[in-house]
N, C-alpha and C. Protein backbone atom coordinates (compact mmCIF):
# COMPACT_ATOMS: atom_id res chain seq x y z
N UNK A 1 4.71 8.93 152.71
CA UNK A 1 4.22 10.08 151.37
C UNK A 1 4.70 9.25 150.40
N UNK A 2 4.13 9.06 149.08
CA UNK A 2 4.60 8.22 148.09
C UNK A 2 5.46 9.07 147.22
N UNK A 3 6.35 8.70 146.71
CA UNK A 3 7.31 9.17 145.84
C UNK A 3 6.86 10.08 144.66
N UNK A 4 7.36 11.09 144.53
CA UNK A 4 6.81 11.97 143.15
C UNK A 4 7.22 11.46 142.04
N UNK A 5 6.60 11.40 140.84
CA UNK A 5 6.97 11.08 139.88
C UNK A 5 7.56 12.49 138.62
N UNK A 6 8.28 12.16 137.78
CA UNK A 6 8.87 13.58 137.28
C UNK A 6 7.97 14.08 136.28
N UNK A 7 7.19 13.18 135.70
CA UNK A 7 6.34 13.30 134.57
C UNK A 7 4.81 13.09 135.26
N UNK A 8 3.68 13.60 134.33
CA UNK A 8 2.17 13.33 133.97
C UNK A 8 1.86 11.67 133.86
N UNK A 9 2.78 11.24 133.15
CA UNK A 9 2.22 9.50 132.76
C UNK A 9 3.58 8.85 133.35
N UNK A 10 3.20 8.06 134.17
CA UNK A 10 4.45 6.88 134.55
C UNK A 10 4.75 6.05 133.58
N UNK A 11 6.09 5.60 133.48
CA UNK A 11 7.01 4.86 132.75
C UNK A 11 5.88 3.65 132.32
N UNK A 12 5.08 3.03 133.35
CA UNK A 12 4.71 1.71 133.02
C UNK A 12 3.25 2.17 132.40
N UNK A 13 3.01 3.57 131.79
CA UNK A 13 1.49 3.65 131.02
C UNK A 13 1.43 3.11 130.04
N UNK A 14 0.56 1.99 130.07
CA UNK A 14 0.15 1.38 128.56
C UNK A 14 0.30 2.24 127.48
N UNK A 15 0.69 1.52 126.52
CA UNK A 15 0.63 2.54 125.00
C UNK A 15 -0.84 1.92 124.39
N UNK A 16 -1.25 3.46 124.31
CA UNK A 16 -2.96 3.16 123.81
C UNK A 16 -2.58 2.68 121.96
N UNK A 17 -4.05 1.84 122.10
CA UNK A 17 -3.92 1.39 120.62
C UNK A 17 -5.26 1.44 120.11
N UNK A 18 -5.45 1.91 118.80
CA UNK A 18 -6.87 2.04 118.31
C UNK A 18 -7.47 0.63 117.97
N UNK A 19 -8.79 0.76 118.53
CA UNK A 19 -9.79 -0.73 118.07
C UNK A 19 -9.56 -0.59 116.51
N UNK A 20 -9.88 -1.77 115.97
CA UNK A 20 -10.34 -2.25 115.03
C UNK A 20 -11.63 -1.36 114.32
N UNK A 21 -11.68 -1.19 113.13
CA UNK A 21 -12.68 -0.19 112.59
C UNK A 21 -14.08 -1.10 113.07
N UNK A 22 -13.69 -2.38 112.93
CA UNK A 22 -15.54 -3.20 113.25
C UNK A 22 -15.81 -2.88 114.49
N UNK A 23 -14.67 -3.10 115.34
CA UNK A 23 -15.11 -2.82 116.99
C UNK A 23 -15.86 -1.26 117.37
N UNK A 24 -15.07 -0.56 116.45
CA UNK A 24 -15.76 0.95 116.46
C UNK A 24 -17.18 0.99 116.28
N UNK A 25 -17.22 0.29 114.60
CA UNK A 25 -18.97 0.04 114.69
C UNK A 25 -19.90 -0.65 115.62
N UNK A 26 -19.15 -1.54 116.14
CA UNK A 26 -19.84 -2.25 117.13
C UNK A 26 -20.37 -1.57 118.50
N UNK A 27 -19.07 -0.41 118.85
CA UNK A 27 -19.50 0.02 119.81
C UNK A 27 -20.40 1.26 119.67
N UNK A 28 -20.52 1.91 118.47
CA UNK A 28 -21.44 3.00 117.90
C UNK A 28 -22.89 2.51 118.04
N UNK A 29 -22.79 1.32 117.66
CA UNK A 29 -24.03 0.68 117.17
C UNK A 29 -24.42 0.58 118.62
N UNK A 30 -23.60 0.03 119.89
CA UNK A 30 -24.48 -0.42 120.92
C UNK A 30 -24.78 1.02 121.87
N UNK A 31 -24.09 2.36 121.46
CA UNK A 31 -24.45 3.38 122.10
C UNK A 31 -25.49 3.86 121.57
N UNK A 32 -26.11 3.97 120.22
CA UNK A 32 -27.28 4.34 119.60
C UNK A 32 -28.30 3.34 120.45
N UNK A 33 -28.01 2.25 120.35
CA UNK A 33 -29.12 1.46 120.96
C UNK A 33 -29.43 2.07 122.40
N UNK A 34 -28.26 2.22 123.35
CA UNK A 34 -28.65 2.43 124.66
C UNK A 34 -29.29 3.61 124.74
N UNK A 35 -28.94 4.55 123.72
CA UNK A 35 -29.68 6.03 123.90
C UNK A 35 -31.20 5.84 123.21
N UNK A 36 -31.64 4.95 122.52
CA UNK A 36 -32.67 4.70 122.22
C UNK A 36 -33.55 4.16 123.23
N UNK A 37 -33.08 3.34 124.14
CA UNK A 37 -33.60 2.97 125.27
C UNK A 37 -33.48 3.76 126.20
N UNK A 38 -32.84 4.83 126.44
CA UNK A 38 -32.93 6.05 127.56
C UNK A 38 -34.04 6.97 126.77
N UNK A 39 -34.38 7.23 125.71
CA UNK A 39 -35.48 8.29 125.46
C UNK A 39 -36.74 7.49 125.66
N UNK A 40 -36.82 5.93 125.03
CA UNK A 40 -38.11 5.46 125.43
C UNK A 40 -38.34 5.80 127.06
N UNK A 41 -37.62 5.20 127.50
CA UNK A 41 -37.71 5.07 129.21
C UNK A 41 -38.01 6.74 129.82
N UNK A 42 -37.66 7.74 129.17
CA UNK A 42 -37.66 8.93 129.55
C UNK A 42 -39.27 9.36 129.24
N UNK A 43 -39.57 9.01 128.16
CA UNK A 43 -40.86 8.97 127.36
C UNK A 43 -42.04 8.31 128.17
N UNK A 44 -41.61 7.28 128.69
CA UNK A 44 -42.64 6.62 129.76
C UNK A 44 -42.92 7.40 131.01
N UNK A 45 -41.85 7.67 131.21
CA UNK A 45 -41.87 8.60 132.84
C UNK A 45 -42.66 9.60 132.55
N UNK A 46 -42.20 10.57 131.70
CA UNK A 46 -43.26 11.64 131.17
C UNK A 46 -44.41 11.57 131.10
N UNK A 47 -45.03 9.91 130.74
CA UNK A 47 -46.22 9.52 130.27
C UNK A 47 -46.74 9.44 131.88
N UNK A 48 -45.82 8.94 132.53
CA UNK A 48 -46.48 8.28 133.92
C UNK A 48 -46.93 9.51 134.54
N UNK A 49 -46.05 10.45 134.27
CA UNK A 49 -46.11 12.07 135.34
C UNK A 49 -47.51 12.62 134.82
N UNK A 50 -47.79 12.51 133.55
CA UNK A 50 -48.93 13.55 133.26
C UNK A 50 -49.84 12.54 133.60
N UNK A 51 -50.40 11.17 133.40
CA UNK A 51 -50.80 10.40 134.06
C UNK A 51 -51.71 10.30 135.29
N UNK A 52 -50.39 10.72 136.20
CA UNK A 52 -50.71 11.01 137.51
C UNK A 52 -51.18 12.44 137.84
N UNK A 53 -50.53 13.37 137.33
CA UNK A 53 -51.11 14.82 137.32
C UNK A 53 -52.52 14.91 137.13
N UNK A 54 -52.97 14.25 135.85
CA UNK A 54 -54.21 14.45 135.22
C UNK A 54 -55.45 13.53 136.10
N UNK A 55 -54.78 12.54 137.24
CA UNK A 55 -55.81 11.85 138.21
C UNK A 55 -55.72 12.90 139.03
N UNK A 56 -54.81 13.49 139.54
CA UNK A 56 -54.49 14.38 140.97
C UNK A 56 -55.72 15.56 140.67
N UNK A 57 -55.36 16.45 139.70
CA UNK A 57 -56.11 17.51 139.06
C UNK A 57 -56.36 17.30 137.90
N UNK A 58 -57.53 16.96 137.68
CA UNK A 58 -58.38 16.86 136.54
C UNK A 58 -58.06 17.69 135.21
N UNK A 59 -57.70 17.90 134.24
CA UNK A 59 -57.67 19.00 133.27
C UNK A 59 -56.36 19.70 133.25
N UNK A 60 -55.31 19.23 134.29
CA UNK A 60 -54.29 19.99 134.64
C UNK A 60 -53.02 20.24 133.23
N UNK A 61 -53.37 18.87 132.77
CA UNK A 61 -52.34 18.88 131.82
C UNK A 61 -52.84 19.32 130.49
N UNK A 62 -54.36 19.48 130.21
CA UNK A 62 -54.71 19.96 128.89
C UNK A 62 -54.59 21.74 128.95
N UNK A 63 -54.63 22.05 130.13
CA UNK A 63 -54.21 23.56 130.68
C UNK A 63 -53.02 24.21 130.58
N UNK A 64 -52.27 22.96 130.73
CA UNK A 64 -50.73 23.25 130.81
C UNK A 64 -50.19 23.38 129.14
N UNK A 65 -50.86 22.29 128.44
CA UNK A 65 -50.87 22.51 126.94
C UNK A 65 -50.94 23.94 126.32
N UNK A 66 -52.21 24.27 126.79
CA UNK A 66 -52.99 25.33 126.47
C UNK A 66 -51.77 26.36 126.64
N UNK A 67 -51.63 26.86 127.67
CA UNK A 67 -50.52 27.85 128.45
C UNK A 67 -49.31 28.06 127.32
N UNK A 68 -48.52 26.54 127.25
CA UNK A 68 -47.59 26.44 126.51
C UNK A 68 -47.82 26.90 124.90
N UNK A 69 -49.00 26.40 124.76
CA UNK A 69 -49.27 27.27 123.26
C UNK A 69 -48.85 28.76 123.22
N UNK A 70 -49.79 29.12 123.85
CA UNK A 70 -49.75 30.85 124.17
C UNK A 70 -48.27 31.22 124.16
N UNK A 71 -47.55 30.42 125.16
CA UNK A 71 -46.48 31.15 125.27
C UNK A 71 -45.33 30.95 124.05
N UNK A 72 -45.44 29.86 123.72
CA UNK A 72 -44.59 29.82 122.39
C UNK A 72 -45.06 30.75 121.03
N UNK A 73 -46.75 30.77 121.13
CA UNK A 73 -46.42 31.89 120.20
C UNK A 73 -46.38 33.35 120.30
N UNK A 74 -46.33 33.51 121.57
CA UNK A 74 -45.71 35.10 122.24
C UNK A 74 -44.60 34.93 122.03
N UNK A 75 -43.62 33.97 122.34
CA UNK A 75 -42.29 33.92 122.24
C UNK A 75 -41.84 34.09 120.86
N UNK A 76 -42.31 33.48 120.14
CA UNK A 76 -42.40 33.28 118.23
C UNK A 76 -42.48 34.94 117.92
N UNK A 77 -43.71 35.58 118.35
CA UNK A 77 -43.77 36.92 117.74
C UNK A 77 -42.79 38.00 118.39
N UNK A 78 -42.45 37.84 119.58
CA UNK A 78 -41.49 38.67 119.90
C UNK A 78 -40.06 38.21 119.29
N UNK A 79 -39.89 37.41 118.98
CA UNK A 79 -38.33 37.09 118.39
C UNK A 79 -38.47 37.45 116.78
N UNK A 80 -39.73 37.66 115.99
CA UNK A 80 -39.67 38.02 115.12
C UNK A 80 -39.80 39.80 115.03
N UNK A 81 -40.37 40.36 116.06
CA UNK A 81 -40.41 41.79 115.52
C UNK A 81 -39.85 42.39 116.86
N UNK A 82 -38.43 43.03 116.63
CA UNK A 82 -37.85 43.20 117.71
C UNK A 82 -38.17 44.34 118.80
N UNK A 83 -39.18 45.36 118.20
CA UNK A 83 -39.65 46.06 118.84
C UNK A 83 -41.03 46.08 119.28
N UNK A 84 -41.33 44.84 119.99
CA UNK A 84 -42.89 44.56 120.33
C UNK A 84 -43.23 45.31 121.45
N UNK A 85 -44.54 45.50 121.52
CA UNK A 85 -45.12 46.07 122.62
C UNK A 85 -44.67 45.54 124.04
N UNK A 86 -44.21 44.55 124.36
CA UNK A 86 -43.97 43.89 125.50
C UNK A 86 -42.37 44.62 125.78
N UNK A 87 -41.47 44.45 125.04
CA UNK A 87 -40.17 45.07 125.08
C UNK A 87 -40.14 46.74 125.26
N UNK A 88 -41.34 47.28 124.44
CA UNK A 88 -41.38 48.86 124.61
C UNK A 88 -41.92 48.95 126.17
N UNK A 89 -42.68 48.16 126.94
CA UNK A 89 -43.21 48.54 128.01
C UNK A 89 -42.28 48.19 129.08
N UNK A 90 -41.25 47.39 128.73
CA UNK A 90 -40.13 47.08 129.76
C UNK A 90 -39.13 48.18 129.48
N UNK A 91 -39.24 48.89 128.58
CA UNK A 91 -37.97 50.02 128.26
C UNK A 91 -38.56 51.23 129.07
N UNK A 92 -39.68 51.53 128.83
CA UNK A 92 -40.66 52.68 129.84
C UNK A 92 -40.50 52.47 131.12
N UNK A 93 -40.72 51.25 131.63
CA UNK A 93 -40.19 51.06 133.13
C UNK A 93 -39.16 51.14 133.35
N UNK A 94 -37.79 50.82 132.63
CA UNK A 94 -36.59 51.19 132.90
C UNK A 94 -36.32 52.62 132.92
N UNK A 95 -36.85 53.61 132.05
CA UNK A 95 -36.66 54.87 132.09
C UNK A 95 -36.99 55.64 133.10
N UNK A 96 -38.52 55.32 133.53
CA UNK A 96 -38.91 56.02 134.67
C UNK A 96 -37.93 55.87 135.89
N UNK A 97 -37.46 54.71 136.29
CA UNK A 97 -36.43 54.49 137.42
C UNK A 97 -35.09 55.35 137.37
């Protein structure tokens, strides 16, 4: 059984030192660059999925995008009008129960 330490940080814990401003800028640049590559790879993967989907089910992506456009319009209309017909119908159903 290892000996228990009296504090959360051991005595030989290194003293943290802040990096120089140049090092911070360099790290931020590397992070931004890596995020850019990540998003490019994600876009490539989505494109590959869309192409595969369209080959297996021709026109599926176009139908998906048309359905998405209708859904977004309905969402925005419902968000603008708090008492829209969809909300009212749901309320009537709940009152009957």
